[in-house]
Amino acid sequence: MSSFADQFLNEAAEVIRGLNREAIENLAELIAQTRASGGRLFILGVGGSAANASHAVNDFRKIARIEAYAPTDNVAELTARTNDEGWHSVFEGWLRVSRLNAADMILVFSVGGGDVEHQVSMNLVGALEYARSVGAKIGGIVGRNGGFTATVADACVVVPVVNADHITPHSEAFQAVVWHLLVSHPRVKIKQTKWESVR
């Protein structure tokens, strides 16, 4: 008798088999180009994806030596902007103050990627529209069909849906798998990680 653990892990294996390797390589190249041009990396996510963004910022700064930020790490500014201006514009406002420009890159972590028609994650949509207006590069690690992020990104990894009941856990779990792949990628990695350096 198959257990739930068997089912979930088999789904995870299927997700891995379905990940678009070319899209991952394109994302690695985009990040490498951003660093080479002196650009910054802004990682945007909400909910569990915000927590992933915070962890990823650490890895990209420490391992890939790229200047990286997650707006959600500043809870005071995030909540002030939400309270005073509305949730939909929190990322765009943050990016404007940070003087986002054409050398920079936005990396979206999201289950759905933003959806204008259904008015879901409009803060991501607003940020991406602003990024396009200043010529910043756009990347994404997203689930479902990739949503608005996939339609505007220069490079986007869409986590395949293998079970409609597990879109969110697989999407958020594989954000972590893919960003760890990226910071380990020879085009991106600069500094050795601690435990690999201990022999």
Protein backbone atom coordinates (compact mmCIF):
# COMPACT_ATOMS: atom_id res chain seq x y z
CA MET A 1 0.00 0.00 0.00
CA SER A 2 1.45 3.33 -1.07
CA SER A 3 1.72 5.95 1.68
CA PHE A 4 1.13 9.68 1.31
CA ALA A 5 4.87 10.16 1.71
CA ASP A 6 5.44 7.87 -1.28
CA GLN A 7 2.91 9.82 -3.33
CA PHE A 8 4.30 13.25 -2.45
CA LEU A 9 7.91 12.27 -3.05
CA ASN A 10 7.03 10.55 -6.34
CA GLU A 11 5.36 13.80 -7.39
CA ALA A 12 8.51 15.69 -6.42
CA ALA A 13 10.59 13.35 -8.59
CA GLU A 14 8.19 13.99 -11.47
CA VAL A 15 8.56 17.75 -10.96
CA ILE A 16 12.34 17.39 -11.20
CA ARG A 17 12.03 15.41 -14.44
CA GLY A 18 9.73 18.09 -15.84
CA LEU A 19 11.82 21.16 -15.01
CA ASN A 20 12.96 23.01 -18.12
CA ARG A 21 16.76 22.83 -18.05
CA GLU A 22 17.16 25.46 -20.77
CA ALA A 23 15.07 27.93 -18.76
CA ILE A 24 17.27 27.31 -15.71
CA GLU A 25 20.44 27.87 -17.75
CA ASN A 26 18.94 31.09 -19.18
CA LEU A 27 18.17 32.30 -15.66
CA ALA A 28 21.74 31.54 -14.52
CA GLU A 29 23.09 33.51 -17.48
CA LEU A 30 20.80 36.47 -16.75
CA ILE A 31 22.02 36.58 -13.14
CA ALA A 32 25.66 36.34 -14.23
CA GLN A 33 25.14 39.19 -16.72
CA THR A 34 23.48 41.31 -14.05
CA ARG A 35 26.43 40.88 -11.70
CA ALA A 36 28.96 41.52 -14.49
CA SER A 37 27.27 44.81 -15.36
CA GLY A 38 27.25 45.95 -11.72
CA GLY A 39 23.51 45.50 -11.40
CA ARG A 40 21.56 44.52 -8.32
CA LEU A 41 19.18 41.61 -7.78
CA PHE A 42 15.79 42.28 -6.19
CA ILE A 43 13.91 39.13 -5.15
CA LEU A 44 10.15 39.52 -4.76
CA GLY A 45 7.77 37.07 -3.11
CA VAL A 46 4.78 36.98 -0.79
CA GLY A 47 3.82 34.43 1.86
CA GLY A 48 6.10 31.40 1.80
CA SER A 49 7.79 32.85 -1.27
CA ALA A 50 8.78 35.91 0.79
CA ALA A 51 10.54 33.64 3.26
CA ASN A 52 12.27 31.94 0.34
CA ALA A 53 13.28 35.35 -1.02
CA SER A 54 14.96 36.23 2.27
CA HIS A 55 16.99 33.00 2.28
CA ALA A 56 17.87 33.39 -1.40
CA VAL A 57 19.13 36.94 -0.85
CA ASN A 58 21.60 35.57 1.68
CA ASP A 59 22.83 32.94 -0.76
CA PHE A 60 23.16 35.28 -3.73
CA ARG A 61 25.04 37.85 -1.63
CA LYS A 62 27.30 35.40 0.19
CA ILE A 63 27.93 32.70 -2.42
CA ALA A 64 27.38 34.53 -5.72
CA ARG A 65 28.65 37.92 -4.48
CA ILE A 66 25.86 39.84 -6.12
CA GLU A 67 24.21 42.79 -4.39
CA ALA A 68 20.75 41.42 -3.58
CA TYR A 69 17.68 42.55 -1.63
CA ALA A 70 14.21 41.34 -0.68
CA PRO A 71 11.78 44.20 0.02
CA THR A 72 9.86 41.96 2.43
CA ASP A 73 12.89 41.86 4.75
CA ASN A 74 12.04 45.43 5.82
CA VAL A 75 8.79 44.79 7.71
CA ALA A 76 8.48 48.40 8.91
CA GLU A 77 8.53 49.83 5.40
CA LEU A 78 6.39 47.00 4.04
CA THR A 79 3.63 47.54 6.59
CA ALA A 80 3.83 51.34 6.40
CA ARG A 81 3.41 51.22 2.64
CA THR A 82 0.57 48.70 2.97
CA ASN A 83 -1.18 50.87 5.53
CA ASP A 84 -0.66 54.21 3.78
CA GLU A 85 -0.66 53.35 0.08
CA GLY A 86 -2.16 49.87 -0.30
CA TRP A 87 -0.77 46.36 -0.66
CA HIS A 88 -0.89 46.45 -4.47
CA SER A 89 1.88 49.05 -4.73
CA VAL A 90 4.30 48.00 -1.96
CA PHE A 91 6.97 46.52 -4.23
CA GLU A 92 6.79 49.22 -6.88
CA GLY A 93 7.18 51.96 -4.25
CA TRP A 94 10.13 50.16 -2.68
CA LEU A 95 11.82 49.72 -6.08
CA ARG A 96 11.31 53.38 -6.98
CA VAL A 97 13.14 54.49 -3.82
CA SER A 98 15.89 51.98 -4.64
CA ARG A 99 16.26 53.62 -8.06
CA LEU A 100 15.71 50.40 -10.02
CA ASN A 101 17.40 50.77 -13.39
CA ALA A 102 18.31 48.91 -16.56
CA ALA A 103 21.41 47.32 -15.00
CA ASP A 104 19.29 45.66 -12.30
CA MET A 105 17.24 42.47 -12.24
CA ILE A 106 13.97 41.43 -10.63
CA LEU A 107 13.59 37.77 -9.63
CA VAL A 108 10.04 36.73 -8.75
CA PHE A 109 9.26 33.78 -6.50
CA SER A 110 5.55 33.03 -6.77
CA VAL A 111 3.07 30.17 -6.89
CA GLY A 112 0.97 31.88 -9.55
CA GLY A 113 3.19 34.64 -10.94
CA GLY A 114 0.53 37.33 -10.62
CA ASP A 115 -2.77 37.46 -12.48
CA VAL A 116 -4.33 40.68 -13.80
CA GLU A 117 -7.64 39.07 -14.80
CA HIS A 118 -8.25 37.58 -11.36
CA GLN A 119 -6.52 40.43 -9.47
CA VAL A 120 -4.14 38.07 -7.67
CA SER A 121 -0.67 39.20 -6.51
CA MET A 122 -1.12 42.59 -8.10
CA ASN A 123 1.88 43.85 -6.11
CA LEU A 124 4.03 41.57 -8.27
CA VAL A 125 2.29 42.74 -11.43
CA GLY A 126 2.87 46.40 -10.51
CA ALA A 127 6.51 45.77 -9.74
CA LEU A 128 7.05 43.96 -13.03
CA GLU A 129 5.33 46.69 -15.02
CA TYR A 130 7.59 49.23 -13.35
CA ALA A 131 10.66 47.04 -14.00
CA ARG A 132 9.76 46.87 -17.69
CA SER A 133 9.34 50.66 -17.81
CA VAL A 134 12.94 51.20 -16.65
CA GLY A 135 14.41 48.35 -18.70
CA ALA A 136 15.39 46.09 -15.79
CA LYS A 137 15.85 42.40 -16.50
CA ILE A 138 13.13 40.06 -15.22
CA GLY A 139 13.42 36.46 -14.06
CA GLY A 140 11.06 34.14 -12.28
CA ILE A 141 10.67 30.83 -10.50
CA VAL A 142 6.95 30.32 -10.50
CA GLY A 143 4.25 27.66 -10.42
CA ARG A 144 0.99 26.96 -12.24
CA ASN A 145 1.30 28.44 -15.74
CA GLY A 146 3.69 31.18 -14.64
CA GLY A 147 1.05 33.92 -14.74
CA PHE A 148 2.03 37.50 -15.54
CA THR A 149 5.65 36.82 -14.60
CA ALA A 150 6.06 34.23 -17.34
CA THR A 151 4.59 36.56 -19.96
CA VAL A 152 7.06 39.40 -19.27
CA ALA A 153 10.18 37.60 -18.03
CA ASP A 154 13.47 37.43 -19.88
CA ALA A 155 14.02 34.02 -18.26
CA CYS A 156 11.45 32.07 -16.27
CA VAL A 157 11.38 28.61 -14.70
CA VAL A 158 7.85 27.25 -14.36
CA VAL A 159 7.52 24.47 -11.78
CA PRO A 160 5.41 21.79 -13.50
CA VAL A 161 2.02 20.93 -12.02
CA VAL A 162 1.94 17.19 -11.40
CA ASN A 163 -0.95 17.20 -8.91
CA ALA A 164 -3.43 20.07 -8.74
CA ASP A 165 -3.82 19.45 -4.99
CA HIS A 166 -0.13 20.20 -4.36
CA ILE A 167 0.61 23.23 -6.56
CA THR A 168 1.63 25.49 -3.66
CA PRO A 169 3.91 23.11 -1.73
CA HIS A 170 5.70 21.93 -4.87
CA SER A 171 6.04 25.48 -6.25
CA GLU A 172 7.53 26.84 -3.05
CA ALA A 173 9.73 23.79 -2.45
CA PHE A 174 11.18 23.95 -5.94
CA GLN A 175 11.86 27.66 -5.71
CA ALA A 176 14.42 26.56 -3.14
CA VAL A 177 15.76 23.73 -5.30
CA VAL A 178 16.18 25.99 -8.30
CA TRP A 179 17.76 28.94 -6.47
CA HIS A 180 20.22 26.57 -4.77
CA LEU A 181 21.02 25.17 -8.22
CA LEU A 182 21.59 28.74 -9.44
CA VAL A 183 23.97 29.77 -6.65
CA SER A 184 25.85 26.51 -7.23
CA HIS A 185 26.01 27.07 -11.01
CA PRO A 186 29.55 27.69 -12.36
CA ARG A 187 28.36 30.89 -14.09
CA VAL A 188 27.02 32.25 -10.80
CA LYS A 189 28.96 30.75 -7.87
CA ILE A 190 32.06 32.59 -6.67
CA LYS A 191 32.61 31.59 -3.05
CA GLN A 192 32.82 28.04 -1.73
CA THR A 193 30.13 27.06 0.75
CA LYS A 194 31.32 26.28 4.27
CA TRP A 195 30.74 22.56 4.65
CA GLU A 196 32.09 21.82 1.18
CA SER A 197 35.28 23.63 2.16
CA VAL A 198 35.75 21.52 5.31
CA ARG A 199 37.62 18.34 4.43
